[in-house]
Amino acid sequence: MNECRTGRPVSDGAEQLLGVIHPVHEYGQVELVDYLGADRTVARAARTSYQGDEGKNEEADRKLIRRLWVDKHTSPFEMVALTFRIRMPIFVMRQHVRHRTASLNEWSFRYSECPDMFYVPARDDVRSQSSTNKQMSGDPLTDDVSDKARTLIDGLNHQAYATYKKLIELGVAREQARVVLPVSAYTQIVWSIDMRNLLHYLRLRLAPDAQKEIRAYAEVMAMIVRQGWPMIWDAYSAAEENA
């Protein structure tokens, strides 16, 4: 294959991550499939305000990017965009798409059949309901209770999928047969988001009170930003530490 040459800004770290599949849980995946812009893209966009970019080195870019983020001058961060392929359970997807400042396309179970992939929490990750927060988990349950819970979840997943397949065999349309699928079924999206909104996503989904299942996806995306856009990550993480 001939090497493709481009005049656009390229992130060496992001190039190394393109096409790398990062597993999440048993069936989940996160993959960086495309991107636009590097760290210096943000600095160049910001310097447009005063019509100058010549003679600026990497350290000058680093200082400017940090200052922009601290001072909340965040529009230049929108000049960088990332596109991910993400496979996740539907119940995680429902939280994910609450971040509406992004573009996505999703698997359609009208056009194709749902694969036999369902989320079951790990034995040490079946959690109690928090006694202080109505929407959060509490401490892990005992192994005995966890085993019973996992058996119930796995059994329902298998039963639902068997029913779904029977409906397909009967000739029921895929768009109707899918009504029996639980929210533990996996879906997949291509998700494109600019850097400013991605960092806002990470601030919320990496927080200690975020649901653990979606936090696992956010941790992978944070790693990708850290490696692909180190100056931007440095500015973001420094601000978070001082918040």
Foldseek 3Di string as FASTA:
>chain_A
DDDDDDPFDFFPLLVVQAPDWDDAAPPKTKGFPDKHDALVQLVVVVCVVVPDDPPDDPVNSLVVLLVCVLVVVCPSLQRIKTKMKIKAFQVLVVVVCVLPQKDKDKDDLQVPPFDLDFDADDLQPQFDCDPPDRVFTDHGDDSVVSVVRRVVVVVLSVVLVVQLVVCVVVVHGSVVSCVSHDSRGMMIMIMMHGRVSLLVVLVVLCDPRHHPSNVSVSVVVLVSCCRRHVSNNVSSVVSVVVD
